[in-house]
Amino acid sequence: MTETLRAYVSRTPAGGWRIEGTRVSLDSVVHEFLDGESPEGIVEHYPRLALDQVYGAIAFYLSHQAEVDAYLKEQDALWNQGRAESESRNASLLKRLREAKRGGRVAPDS
């Protein structure tokens, strides 16, 4: 009897990774795994995933660790760049919101 191996992770056209058949990113599973979450705990956080999908994603990560780690580092850099650009574009609004949160008086935009 020949058994076909199931693919647990697939690459998106944009270059990211998803858990096969879902919209859950490999990033999400890997971050939880690296934070010490158990596969069962990850399934609790992502109920659309089956336990075998989480184990498959972790196995994929462990066998492609250097490539996935480089991808995650790149994603973090893009996230930080986007955040900095957003804060720069919205500096006035963010200042007013932070002042309001502190209970200070909010000055209108000039």
C-alpha atoms as a PDB file:
ATOM      1  CA  MET A   1       0.000   0.000   0.000  1.00  0.00           C
ATOM      2  CA  THR A   2       1.388   3.369  -1.033  1.00  0.00           C
ATOM      3  CA  GLU A   3       0.522   6.326   1.151  1.00  0.00           C
ATOM      4  CA  THR A   4       0.707   9.915  -0.038  1.00  0.00           C
ATOM      5  CA  LEU A   5       2.249  12.369   2.365  1.00  0.00           C
ATOM      6  CA  ARG A   6       0.079  15.307   3.243  1.00  0.00           C
ATOM      7  CA  ALA A   7       1.397  18.822   2.683  1.00  0.00           C
ATOM      8  CA  TYR A   8       0.809  20.892   5.801  1.00  0.00           C
ATOM      9  CA  VAL A   9       2.283  24.170   4.613  1.00  0.00           C
ATOM     10  CA  SER A  10       2.017  25.936   1.279  1.00  0.00           C
ATOM     11  CA  ARG A  11       3.583  29.084  -0.149  1.00  0.00           C
ATOM     12  CA  THR A  12       1.318  31.950  -1.158  1.00  0.00           C
ATOM     13  CA  PRO A  13       1.761  33.849  -4.433  1.00  0.00           C
ATOM     14  CA  ALA A  14       3.008  36.805  -2.358  1.00  0.00           C
ATOM     15  CA  GLY A  15       5.749  34.652  -0.804  1.00  0.00           C
ATOM     16  CA  GLY A  16       4.245  33.984   2.608  1.00  0.00           C
ATOM     17  CA  TRP A  17       3.389  30.612   4.099  1.00  0.00           C
ATOM     18  CA  ARG A  18      -0.036  29.349   5.130  1.00  0.00           C
ATOM     19  CA  ILE A  19      -1.211  26.215   6.835  1.00  0.00           C
ATOM     20  CA  GLU A  20      -2.548  24.219   3.890  1.00  0.00           C
ATOM     21  CA  GLY A  21      -6.278  24.713   3.319  1.00  0.00           C
ATOM     22  CA  THR A  22      -6.562  27.583   5.818  1.00  0.00           C
ATOM     23  CA  ARG A  23      -5.911  31.306   6.089  1.00  0.00           C
ATOM     24  CA  VAL A  24      -3.729  30.763   9.178  1.00  0.00           C
ATOM     25  CA  SER A  25      -0.153  31.846   8.574  1.00  0.00           C
ATOM     26  CA  LEU A  26       2.810  29.673   9.411  1.00  0.00           C
ATOM     27  CA  ASP A  27       4.144  32.784  11.172  1.00  0.00           C
ATOM     28  CA  SER A  28       1.315  32.598  13.719  1.00  0.00           C
ATOM     29  CA  VAL A  29       1.961  28.964  14.565  1.00  0.00           C
ATOM     30  CA  VAL A  30       5.745  29.393  14.704  1.00  0.00           C
ATOM     31  CA  HIS A  31       5.556  32.461  16.958  1.00  0.00           C
ATOM     32  CA  GLU A  32       3.320  30.598  19.406  1.00  0.00           C
ATOM     33  CA  PHE A  33       5.580  27.543  19.270  1.00  0.00           C
ATOM     34  CA  LEU A  34       8.674  29.669  19.915  1.00  0.00           C
ATOM     35  CA  ASP A  35       6.846  31.357  22.815  1.00  0.00           C
ATOM     36  CA  GLY A  36       6.486  27.910  24.408  1.00  0.00           C
ATOM     37  CA  GLU A  37       2.896  27.142  23.500  1.00  0.00           C
ATOM     38  CA  SER A  38       2.034  23.470  23.100  1.00  0.00           C
ATOM     39  CA  PRO A  39       0.458  22.184  19.880  1.00  0.00           C
ATOM     40  CA  GLU A  40      -2.764  21.607  21.835  1.00  0.00           C
ATOM     41  CA  GLY A  41      -2.670  25.217  23.039  1.00  0.00           C
ATOM     42  CA  ILE A  42      -2.122  26.459  19.503  1.00  0.00           C
ATOM     43  CA  VAL A  43      -5.220  24.530  18.387  1.00  0.00           C
ATOM     44  CA  GLU A  44      -7.175  26.267  21.170  1.00  0.00           C
ATOM     45  CA  HIS A  45      -6.070  29.641  19.789  1.00  0.00           C
ATOM     46  CA  TYR A  46      -6.743  28.618  16.177  1.00  0.00           C
ATOM     47  CA  PRO A  47      -9.792  26.328  16.301  1.00  0.00           C
ATOM     48  CA  ARG A  48      -9.829  26.011  12.495  1.00  0.00           C
ATOM     49  CA  LEU A  49      -6.613  24.009  12.754  1.00  0.00           C
ATOM     50  CA  ALA A  50      -6.511  20.314  13.502  1.00  0.00           C
ATOM     51  CA  LEU A  51      -3.826  18.982  15.809  1.00  0.00           C
ATOM     52  CA  ASP A  52      -2.083  17.163  12.946  1.00  0.00           C
ATOM     53  CA  GLN A  53      -1.896  20.455  11.013  1.00  0.00           C
ATOM     54  CA  VAL A  54      -0.125  22.138  13.927  1.00  0.00           C
ATOM     55  CA  TYR A  55       2.328  19.267  14.333  1.00  0.00           C
ATOM     56  CA  GLY A  56       2.877  19.283  10.559  1.00  0.00           C
ATOM     57  CA  ALA A  57       3.534  23.029  10.576  1.00  0.00           C
ATOM     58  CA  ILE A  58       5.996  22.672  13.456  1.00  0.00           C
ATOM     59  CA  ALA A  59       7.754  19.806  11.669  1.00  0.00           C
ATOM     60  CA  PHE A  60       7.948  21.945   8.534  1.00  0.00           C
ATOM     61  CA  TYR A  61       9.427  24.809  10.548  1.00  0.00           C
ATOM     62  CA  LEU A  62      12.009  22.574  12.215  1.00  0.00           C
ATOM     63  CA  SER A  63      13.125  21.099   8.906  1.00  0.00           C
ATOM     64  CA  HIS A  64      13.287  24.534   7.203  1.00  0.00           C
ATOM     65  CA  GLN A  65      14.282  26.555  10.252  1.00  0.00           C
ATOM     66  CA  ALA A  66      16.980  28.751   8.694  1.00  0.00           C
ATOM     67  CA  GLU A  67      14.740  29.718   5.768  1.00  0.00           C
ATOM     68  CA  VAL A  68      11.678  30.379   7.945  1.00  0.00           C
ATOM     69  CA  ASP A  69      13.696  32.312  10.539  1.00  0.00           C
ATOM     70  CA  ALA A  70      15.129  34.532   7.787  1.00  0.00           C
ATOM     71  CA  TYR A  71      11.591  35.074   6.447  1.00  0.00           C
ATOM     72  CA  LEU A  72      10.284  35.957   9.926  1.00  0.00           C
ATOM     73  CA  LYS A  73      13.136  38.416  10.457  1.00  0.00           C
ATOM     74  CA  GLU A  74      12.321  40.041   7.113  1.00  0.00           C
ATOM     75  CA  GLN A  75       8.625  40.238   8.040  1.00  0.00           C
ATOM     76  CA  ASP A  76       9.479  41.864  11.378  1.00  0.00           C
ATOM     77  CA  ALA A  77      11.605  44.471   9.588  1.00  0.00           C
ATOM     78  CA  LEU A  78       8.759  45.218   7.146  1.00  0.00           C
ATOM     79  CA  TRP A  79       6.294  45.471  10.041  1.00  0.00           C
ATOM     80  CA  ASN A  80       8.555  47.888  11.936  1.00  0.00           C
ATOM     81  CA  GLN A  81       9.120  49.971   8.795  1.00  0.00           C
ATOM     82  CA  GLY A  82       5.374  50.170   8.137  1.00  0.00           C
ATOM     83  CA  ARG A  83       4.705  51.098  11.747  1.00  0.00           C
ATOM     84  CA  ALA A  84       7.315  53.874  11.665  1.00  0.00           C
ATOM     85  CA  GLU A  85       5.904  55.232   8.387  1.00  0.00           C
ATOM     86  CA  SER A  86       2.365  55.154   9.791  1.00  0.00           C
ATOM     87  CA  GLU A  87       3.433  56.938  12.971  1.00  0.00           C
ATOM     88  CA  SER A  88       5.202  59.588  10.902  1.00  0.00           C
ATOM     89  CA  ARG A  89       2.176  60.136   8.622  1.00  0.00           C
ATOM     90  CA  ASN A  90      -0.218  60.270  11.569  1.00  0.00           C
ATOM     91  CA  ALA A  91       1.960  62.077  14.118  1.00  0.00           C
ATOM     92  CA  SER A  92      -0.592  64.805  14.846  1.00  0.00           C
ATOM     93  CA  LEU A  93      -3.441  62.370  15.392  1.00  0.00           C
ATOM     94  CA  LEU A  94      -1.312  60.080  17.540  1.00  0.00           C
ATOM     95  CA  LYS A  95      -0.193  63.023  19.673  1.00  0.00           C
ATOM     96  CA  ARG A  96      -3.817  64.049  20.292  1.00  0.00           C
ATOM     97  CA  LEU A  97      -4.851  60.482  21.103  1.00  0.00           C
ATOM     98  CA  ARG A  98      -1.961  60.034  23.537  1.00  0.00           C
ATOM     99  CA  GLU A  99      -2.783  63.339  25.227  1.00  0.00           C
ATOM    100  CA  ALA A 100      -6.436  62.316  25.524  1.00  0.00           C
ATOM    101  CA  LYS A 101      -5.451  58.959  26.992  1.00  0.00           C
ATOM    102  CA  ARG A 102      -3.319  60.709  29.617  1.00  0.00           C
ATOM    103  CA  GLY A 103      -6.336  62.864  30.469  1.00  0.00           C
ATOM    104  CA  GLY A 104      -4.735  65.981  29.074  1.00  0.00           C
ATOM    105  CA  ARG A 105      -6.471  68.618  27.135  1.00  0.00           C
ATOM    106  CA  VAL A 106      -6.662  67.856  23.435  1.00  0.00           C
ATOM    107  CA  ALA A 107      -5.722  70.771  21.219  1.00  0.00           C
ATOM    108  CA  PRO A 108      -7.358  70.932  17.781  1.00  0.00           C
ATOM    109  CA  ASP A 109      -5.215  70.592  14.671  1.00  0.00           C
ATOM    110  CA  SER A 110      -3.806  73.847  13.422  1.00  0.00           C
END
